[in-house]
Amino acid sequence: MATMVMAKPRWLSDNGVRSAWTTALVAFLASRLALLLVGWVSLTFIATRDKAVHGAVPTLQQLKDLAFRWDTTWYMSIARHGYSVASPAVQPHAVNLSFWPAFPYLARYLGEASGMSILTSGVMLANLAFVFSLYLLHRYCTRLEFPPTAAALSVLLLAFVPESFLFSVFYGDAFGLLGMLGAMYCARQQRWWIAGLFAAFASSSRPMGVMVLVFLLIHAWQQLGWRNFMRPWVDPHPFIPVVLAPAGYFLMLWVTYRVSGDAFAQAHTRMAGWHVYFAPAWEALRTDFRLGPDLKFWMLSALALAASLIPLFRKKLYPDAVFGLCYFVLIFSQINSAGLLHYAAALPVVYVGFAWWLRDRELARFAVLGVFASLGAVLFCAWSLYVYIAV
């Protein structure tokens, strides 16, 4: 009697997909468990704000609270109460209009639908987005015909990059990362509508998410050639993600106008409440370098990550390279920005560039990964203890 052999699902039969998922899950679990260990050690053996915690084994609740520090309070205020023009007494003129809506509202809706707390649902969403981002990064590098070791290295670099913990806490960074990576990957596959939805998701998750528009424009130009690029009616498909990419940004302009009467309240509250100003990049870098040791650290760390653009230009990955260049010019144009490092760490092309540069340099691979992991551990220790340099 003949036996029936069931065909494997396509996603299981594709070795590339299985390899990408395996690498993503291993990198995610290894890096998150390492961070939990650092947090446990920090709370147990290093003095904290709460003197009663020092020297005692942290409770499960205290470990869960590691996901709730610094700007998480702003995201939580949006998730619980929506946007408003109220500002705390300790930080006058700072309002939650500085933060983008996709993450806090999805955290609220998942919490309401599932019965979980908003914090739990938000942390779950952030981590799921991060795992999917690791997977897409591997697939993206494979799409660019990187060797398997280089694709795996890109994932490890992202998982262990300094401040990678921000992709697992109650922040919107993982959403912005996923949106940019999804738009880039789907555009390379010519899945224009899906690329556009990912791009809109990026621009509704983080202020810098809209910068993926640069990648999409240059990719469209490469696909069409200069003549047809200037005549979009000949083949409009590559322009679909270009048109959809700013949707989240325009949504935020509409929200801020509805709430405050000022469509650009996000930029204004950054200046008034956080004292972040814009200037030419060279002037902002010079000013930041003089403002104090924290800003020196963030600036130099971000510059080190910006070095990843050099191999992208050498490999002629111009959509990635120019996207990264414009992104870095914009973040380096902010005076007194404490977010330089985590803005840089949320840029997908950083890991593409480093992975290509280190593909044949085994010793350098271990050195860069070691520096990333060590610095990431130090910063998560600072995060656990509410030390300002963590962010």
Protein backbone atom coordinates (compact mmCIF):
# COMPACT_ATOMS: atom_id res chain seq x y z
CA MET A 1 0.00 0.00 0.00
CA ALA A 2 1.50 3.29 -1.03
CA THR A 3 2.22 5.72 1.74
CA MET A 4 1.30 9.31 1.39
CA VAL A 5 4.20 11.75 1.77
CA MET A 6 3.10 15.20 2.74
CA ALA A 7 5.02 18.06 1.14
CA LYS A 8 6.79 20.36 3.53
CA PRO A 9 5.54 23.94 3.74
CA ARG A 10 7.55 26.25 1.54
CA TRP A 11 8.98 28.16 4.49
CA LEU A 12 10.38 24.91 5.94
CA SER A 13 11.81 23.69 2.65
CA ASP A 14 13.69 26.92 1.99
CA ASN A 15 17.08 26.51 3.63
CA GLY A 16 17.67 30.26 3.44
CA VAL A 17 14.53 30.97 5.43
CA ARG A 18 15.33 28.31 8.03
CA SER A 19 18.89 29.59 8.36
CA ALA A 20 17.67 33.17 8.77
CA TRP A 21 15.15 32.20 11.47
CA THR A 22 17.67 30.04 13.30
CA THR A 23 20.29 32.77 13.31
CA ALA A 24 17.76 35.42 14.36
CA LEU A 25 16.39 33.36 17.24
CA VAL A 26 19.81 32.29 18.52
CA ALA A 27 21.12 35.88 18.39
CA PHE A 28 17.98 37.19 20.08
CA LEU A 29 17.99 34.65 22.92
CA ALA A 30 21.74 34.91 23.54
CA SER A 31 21.75 38.70 23.63
CA ARG A 32 18.57 39.08 25.72
CA LEU A 33 19.67 36.46 28.28
CA ALA A 34 23.04 38.23 28.54
CA LEU A 35 21.27 41.52 29.16
CA LEU A 36 19.06 39.97 31.84
CA LEU A 37 22.17 38.64 33.55
CA VAL A 38 23.78 42.08 33.44
CA GLY A 39 20.62 43.63 34.87
CA TRP A 40 20.45 41.05 37.66
CA VAL A 41 24.10 41.59 38.60
CA SER A 42 23.67 45.37 38.49
CA LEU A 43 20.64 45.36 40.77
CA THR A 44 22.20 42.85 43.16
CA PHE A 45 25.74 44.07 43.59
CA ILE A 46 25.85 47.75 42.60
CA ALA A 47 24.34 50.60 44.61
CA THR A 48 21.02 51.82 43.24
CA ARG A 49 18.63 54.66 43.93
CA ASP A 50 16.66 52.29 46.14
CA LYS A 51 19.06 51.42 48.95
CA ALA A 52 16.84 48.52 50.00
CA VAL A 53 17.56 46.77 46.70
CA HIS A 54 21.33 46.81 47.08
CA GLY A 55 22.75 43.51 48.23
CA ALA A 56 19.43 41.67 47.84
CA VAL A 57 18.39 39.34 45.06
CA PRO A 58 16.08 41.29 42.72
CA THR A 59 12.46 40.22 42.63
CA LEU A 60 10.76 39.18 39.40
CA GLN A 61 8.93 42.52 39.38
CA GLN A 62 12.22 44.44 39.64
CA LEU A 63 13.58 42.48 36.68
CA LYS A 64 10.41 43.23 34.70
CA ASP A 65 10.81 46.90 35.58
CA LEU A 66 14.10 46.92 33.64
CA ALA A 67 11.88 47.40 30.60
CA PHE A 68 10.55 50.66 32.06
CA ARG A 69 13.14 53.45 32.28
CA TRP A 70 13.60 57.01 31.01
CA ASP A 71 11.45 57.77 27.93
CA THR A 72 9.20 54.77 28.56
CA THR A 73 7.11 57.06 30.77
CA TRP A 74 6.34 59.23 27.75
CA TYR A 75 5.26 56.26 25.64
CA MET A 76 3.15 55.00 28.55
CA SER A 77 1.41 58.36 28.90
CA ILE A 78 0.39 58.17 25.23
CA ALA A 79 -0.77 54.55 25.55
CA ARG A 80 -2.87 55.34 28.63
CA HIS A 81 -4.19 58.83 27.99
CA GLY A 82 -3.36 59.76 24.40
CA TYR A 83 -1.56 62.91 23.32
CA SER A 84 -1.78 66.13 25.31
CA VAL A 85 0.02 69.42 25.83
CA ALA A 86 0.58 68.78 29.55
CA SER A 87 4.21 68.93 30.67
CA PRO A 88 5.75 67.72 33.95
CA ALA A 89 6.94 70.27 36.50
CA VAL A 90 10.45 68.77 36.43
CA GLN A 91 10.69 69.27 32.65
CA PRO A 92 8.73 72.35 31.58
CA HIS A 93 7.63 72.61 27.94
CA ALA A 94 8.29 68.90 27.34
CA VAL A 95 5.13 67.17 26.09
CA ASN A 96 4.47 63.70 24.76
CA LEU A 97 3.94 65.03 21.23
CA SER A 98 7.66 64.40 20.83
CA PHE A 99 6.95 60.65 20.46
CA TRP A 100 5.43 58.85 17.49
CA PRO A 101 2.10 56.97 17.77
CA ALA A 102 2.41 53.46 16.26
CA PHE A 103 4.07 51.74 19.22
CA PRO A 104 2.11 53.15 22.19
CA TYR A 105 -1.28 52.79 20.51
CA LEU A 106 -0.62 49.20 19.37
CA ALA A 107 0.56 48.40 22.92
CA ARG A 108 -2.72 49.79 24.26
CA TYR A 109 -4.88 47.90 21.74
CA LEU A 110 -3.07 44.60 22.35
CA GLY A 111 -3.42 45.09 26.10
CA GLU A 112 -7.14 45.79 25.80
CA ALA A 113 -7.70 42.81 23.51
CA SER A 114 -5.63 40.33 25.52
CA GLY A 115 -6.18 41.52 29.08
CA MET A 116 -2.44 42.00 29.57
CA SER A 117 -1.02 45.16 31.07
CA ILE A 118 0.08 47.84 28.64
CA LEU A 119 3.69 47.37 29.73
CA THR A 120 3.61 43.62 29.09
CA SER A 121 1.91 43.97 25.71
CA GLY A 122 4.30 46.73 24.64
CA VAL A 123 7.41 44.80 25.63
CA MET A 124 6.07 41.73 23.84
CA LEU A 125 5.41 43.75 20.67
CA ALA A 126 8.86 45.36 20.79
CA ASN A 127 10.61 42.00 21.13
CA LEU A 128 8.55 40.39 18.36
CA ALA A 129 9.41 43.32 16.09
CA PHE A 130 13.08 42.94 17.00
CA VAL A 131 13.14 39.20 16.24
CA PHE A 132 11.48 39.84 12.88
CA SER A 133 14.01 42.61 12.20
CA LEU A 134 16.89 40.21 12.85
CA TYR A 135 15.32 37.74 10.43
CA LEU A 136 14.78 40.38 7.73
CA LEU A 137 18.35 41.65 8.10
CA HIS A 138 19.67 38.14 7.41
CA ARG A 139 17.39 37.78 4.40
CA TYR A 140 18.37 41.23 3.15
CA CYS A 141 22.08 40.40 3.25
CA THR A 142 21.37 37.09 1.52
CA ARG A 143 19.44 39.01 -1.12
CA LEU A 144 22.55 41.12 -1.69
CA GLU A 145 24.48 37.84 -2.21
CA PHE A 146 26.57 38.18 0.92
CA PRO A 147 28.28 34.95 2.02
CA PRO A 148 26.39 33.08 4.80
CA THR A 149 28.95 34.09 7.44
CA ALA A 150 28.48 37.76 6.58
CA ALA A 151 24.68 37.48 6.75
CA ALA A 152 24.92 35.80 10.15
CA LEU A 153 27.43 38.40 11.33
CA SER A 154 25.06 41.26 10.46
CA VAL A 155 22.44 39.69 12.74
CA LEU A 156 24.89 39.23 15.61
CA LEU A 157 26.10 42.81 15.28
CA LEU A 158 22.55 44.13 15.51
CA ALA A 159 21.73 41.88 18.47
CA PHE A 160 24.79 43.01 20.45
CA VAL A 161 25.20 46.61 19.30
CA PRO A 162 25.52 49.11 22.19
CA GLU A 163 22.03 50.18 23.30
CA SER A 164 20.43 47.17 21.57
CA PHE A 165 18.42 46.81 24.78
CA LEU A 166 16.28 49.69 23.52
CA PHE A 167 14.80 47.26 20.99
CA SER A 168 13.41 45.13 23.84
CA VAL A 169 12.07 47.71 26.29
CA PHE A 170 8.96 49.89 26.19
CA TYR A 171 10.34 52.03 23.34
CA GLY A 172 9.30 52.42 19.71
CA ASP A 173 12.80 51.82 18.29
CA ALA A 174 12.16 48.20 17.27
CA PHE A 175 9.11 49.30 15.27
CA GLY A 176 11.13 51.92 13.38
CA LEU A 177 13.89 49.39 12.69
CA LEU A 178 11.40 46.80 11.42
CA GLY A 179 9.67 49.32 9.18
CA MET A 180 12.90 50.46 7.54
CA LEU A 181 14.23 46.92 7.07
CA GLY A 182 10.93 45.67 5.69
CA ALA A 183 10.73 48.53 3.20
CA MET A 184 14.31 47.94 2.04
CA TYR A 185 13.93 44.17 1.70
CA CYS A 186 10.58 44.26 -0.09
CA ALA A 187 11.76 47.02 -2.43
CA ARG A 188 14.74 44.84 -3.41
CA GLN A 189 12.21 42.07 -4.15
CA GLN A 190 10.02 44.50 -6.12
CA ARG A 191 7.08 43.94 -3.78
CA TRP A 192 6.14 47.55 -4.03
CA TRP A 193 2.91 47.68 -2.04
CA ILE A 194 4.33 45.72 0.89
CA ALA A 195 7.44 47.92 0.81
CA GLY A 196 5.19 50.96 0.98
CA LEU A 197 3.28 49.63 3.98
CA PHE A 198 6.53 48.89 5.80
CA ALA A 199 7.78 52.39 4.99
CA ALA A 200 4.57 53.96 6.31
CA PHE A 201 4.96 51.86 9.44
CA ALA A 202 8.52 53.17 9.87
CA SER A 203 7.47 56.80 9.52
CA SER A 204 4.63 56.34 12.03
CA SER A 205 6.94 54.69 14.59
CA ARG A 206 10.01 56.92 14.86
CA PRO A 207 10.86 60.45 13.65
CA MET A 208 13.83 59.12 11.66
CA GLY A 209 11.75 56.37 10.04
CA VAL A 210 10.70 58.65 7.20
CA MET A 211 14.36 58.77 6.08
CA VAL A 212 13.89 55.37 4.38
CA LEU A 213 12.36 57.52 1.65
CA VAL A 214 15.94 58.26 0.51
CA PHE A 215 16.63 54.55 -0.02
CA LEU A 216 13.36 54.10 -1.91
CA LEU A 217 14.00 57.05 -4.22
CA ILE A 218 17.49 55.91 -5.20
CA HIS A 219 16.33 52.32 -5.59
CA ALA A 220 13.54 53.52 -7.91
CA TRP A 221 16.08 55.49 -9.93
CA GLN A 222 18.26 52.38 -10.28
CA GLN A 223 15.28 50.28 -11.31
CA LEU A 224 13.97 52.71 -13.92
CA GLY A 225 16.98 54.60 -15.16
CA TRP A 226 17.17 58.36 -15.18
CA ARG A 227 14.86 58.88 -18.18
CA ASN A 228 11.96 56.78 -16.86
CA PHE A 229 12.54 58.03 -13.32
CA MET A 230 11.69 61.51 -14.59
CA ARG A 231 8.57 60.08 -16.27
CA PRO A 232 6.92 58.13 -13.47
CA TRP A 233 3.77 57.45 -15.50
CA VAL A 234 5.75 55.00 -17.68
CA ASP A 235 6.16 52.56 -14.76
CA PRO A 236 4.64 53.87 -11.53
CA HIS A 237 5.22 50.72 -9.43
CA PRO A 238 8.62 51.69 -7.93
CA PHE A 239 7.04 54.95 -6.79
CA ILE A 240 4.35 53.25 -4.69
CA PRO A 241 6.58 52.95 -1.58
CA VAL A 242 7.98 56.42 -2.26
CA VAL A 243 4.47 57.89 -2.04
CA LEU A 244 3.49 55.82 1.01
CA ALA A 245 6.71 56.37 2.99
CA PRO A 246 5.82 59.82 4.43
CA ALA A 247 2.28 58.73 5.41
CA GLY A 248 3.18 58.22 9.07
CA TYR A 249 4.97 61.56 9.21
CA PHE A 250 1.94 63.39 7.79
CA LEU A 251 -0.26 61.51 10.24
CA MET A 252 1.88 62.86 13.07
CA LEU A 253 1.62 66.40 11.70
CA TRP A 254 -2.17 66.02 11.68
CA VAL A 255 -2.20 64.62 15.24
CA THR A 256 -0.01 67.41 16.61
CA TYR A 257 -2.15 70.02 14.90
CA ARG A 258 -5.35 68.50 16.30
CA VAL A 259 -3.93 68.35 19.83
CA SER A 260 -1.94 71.58 20.03
CA GLY A 261 -2.86 73.73 17.05
CA ASP A 262 0.79 73.50 15.94
CA ALA A 263 1.59 70.92 13.25
CA PHE A 264 5.28 71.15 14.14
CA ALA A 265 4.86 70.82 17.89
CA GLN A 266 7.17 67.80 17.89
CA ALA A 267 10.15 69.88 16.76
CA HIS A 268 9.19 72.78 19.01
CA THR A 269 8.87 70.67 22.16
CA ARG A 270 12.25 69.06 21.39
CA MET A 271 13.78 72.52 21.45
CA ALA A 272 11.85 73.91 24.43
CA GLY A 273 11.63 70.79 26.58
CA TRP A 274 14.79 68.87 25.65
CA HIS A 275 16.97 71.79 24.47
CA VAL A 276 17.79 70.06 21.19
CA TYR A 277 18.53 72.48 18.36
CA PHE A 278 19.49 72.08 14.72
CA ALA A 279 22.56 73.48 13.03
CA PRO A 280 24.87 72.44 10.16
CA ALA A 281 26.34 69.04 11.00
CA TRP A 282 29.93 70.28 11.38
CA GLU A 283 28.82 73.06 13.72
CA ALA A 284 26.62 70.72 15.79
CA LEU A 285 29.44 68.17 16.12
CA ARG A 286 31.86 70.86 17.26
CA THR A 287 29.35 72.18 19.78
CA ASP A 288 28.46 68.73 21.13
CA PHE A 289 32.13 67.88 21.56
CA ARG A 290 32.50 70.87 23.90
CA LEU A 291 29.35 70.30 25.97
CA GLY A 292 30.52 67.47 28.20
CA PRO A 293 31.79 63.89 28.46
CA ASP A 294 28.38 62.28 27.88
CA LEU A 295 27.88 64.04 24.54
CA LYS A 296 31.48 63.26 23.53
CA PHE A 297 30.78 59.58 24.15
CA TRP A 298 27.51 59.54 22.19
CA MET A 299 29.02 61.52 19.33
CA LEU A 300 32.16 59.40 19.00
CA SER A 301 30.14 56.17 19.24
CA ALA A 302 27.79 57.33 16.50
CA LEU A 303 30.75 58.36 14.33
CA ALA A 304 32.23 54.89 14.79
CA LEU A 305 28.99 53.35 13.53
CA ALA A 306 28.95 55.82 10.63
CA ALA A 307 32.23 54.27 9.41
CA SER A 308 30.09 51.35 8.18
CA LEU A 309 29.04 53.50 5.21
CA ILE A 310 32.51 53.33 3.64
CA PRO A 311 32.24 49.67 2.54
CA LEU A 312 28.72 50.33 1.23
CA PHE A 313 30.04 52.99 -1.13
CA ARG A 314 32.91 50.72 -2.14
CA LYS A 315 30.49 47.90 -2.97
CA LYS A 316 28.35 50.39 -4.90
CA LEU A 317 25.28 49.76 -2.77
CA TYR A 318 24.24 53.33 -3.43
CA PRO A 319 20.65 53.18 -2.09
CA ASP A 320 21.97 51.90 1.23
CA ALA A 321 25.01 54.17 1.33
CA VAL A 322 23.24 57.41 0.46
CA PHE A 323 20.37 56.56 2.79
CA GLY A 324 22.86 56.07 5.59
CA LEU A 325 24.76 59.25 4.72
CA CYS A 326 21.61 61.42 4.76
CA TYR A 327 20.46 59.76 7.98
CA PHE A 328 23.76 60.47 9.75
CA VAL A 329 23.92 64.05 8.47
CA LEU A 330 20.48 64.64 9.95
CA ILE A 331 21.22 63.14 13.37
CA PHE A 332 24.59 64.89 13.53
CA SER A 333 22.82 68.19 12.86
CA GLN A 334 21.24 68.09 16.34
CA ILE A 335 22.94 70.10 19.06
CA ASN A 336 22.72 68.63 22.57
CA SER A 337 21.14 65.36 21.43
CA ALA A 338 21.47 62.50 23.90
CA GLY A 339 20.04 60.12 21.30
CA LEU A 340 22.94 60.04 18.85
CA LEU A 341 24.01 56.49 19.65
CA HIS A 342 20.61 54.88 19.67
CA TYR A 343 19.54 56.75 16.54
CA ALA A 344 22.67 55.38 14.86
CA ALA A 345 22.10 51.89 16.25
CA ALA A 346 18.59 51.83 14.74
CA LEU A 347 19.92 52.32 11.19
CA PRO A 348 19.85 48.95 9.35
CA VAL A 349 22.55 49.74 6.81
CA VAL A 350 25.14 50.01 9.61
CA TYR A 351 25.09 46.23 9.99
CA VAL A 352 25.07 45.62 6.25
CA GLY A 353 28.22 47.73 5.91
CA PHE A 354 30.06 46.19 8.84
CA ALA A 355 29.11 42.66 7.75
CA TRP A 356 30.53 43.23 4.27
CA TRP A 357 33.70 44.86 5.58
CA LEU A 358 34.36 42.09 8.13
CA ARG A 359 33.34 39.13 5.94
CA ASP A 360 36.94 37.93 5.40
CA ARG A 361 38.48 39.32 8.59
CA GLU A 362 37.98 36.73 11.28
CA LEU A 363 40.01 38.44 13.99
CA ALA A 364 38.34 41.79 13.30
CA ARG A 365 34.90 40.14 13.48
CA PHE A 366 35.56 38.88 16.99
CA ALA A 367 37.07 42.21 18.02
CA VAL A 368 34.09 44.27 16.81
CA LEU A 369 31.57 41.86 18.34
CA GLY A 370 33.52 41.92 21.60
CA VAL A 371 33.54 45.72 21.70
CA PHE A 372 29.83 45.86 20.88
CA ALA A 373 28.90 43.33 23.56
CA SER A 374 31.15 44.83 26.25
CA LEU A 375 29.99 48.38 25.68
CA GLY A 376 26.39 47.19 25.46
CA ALA A 377 26.75 45.46 28.84
CA VAL A 378 28.16 48.62 30.44
CA LEU A 379 25.33 50.73 29.04
CA PHE A 380 22.68 48.26 30.19
CA CYS A 381 24.22 48.31 33.65
CA ALA A 382 23.85 52.10 33.55
CA TRP A 383 20.27 51.73 32.28
CA SER A 384 19.44 49.34 35.12
CA LEU A 385 20.73 51.85 37.68
CA TYR A 386 19.17 54.95 36.08
CA VAL A 387 22.54 56.41 35.06
CA TYR A 388 22.03 59.09 32.43
CA ILE A 389 24.75 57.93 30.02
CA ALA A 390 22.64 54.84 29.24
CA VAL A 391 20.54 56.90 26.83
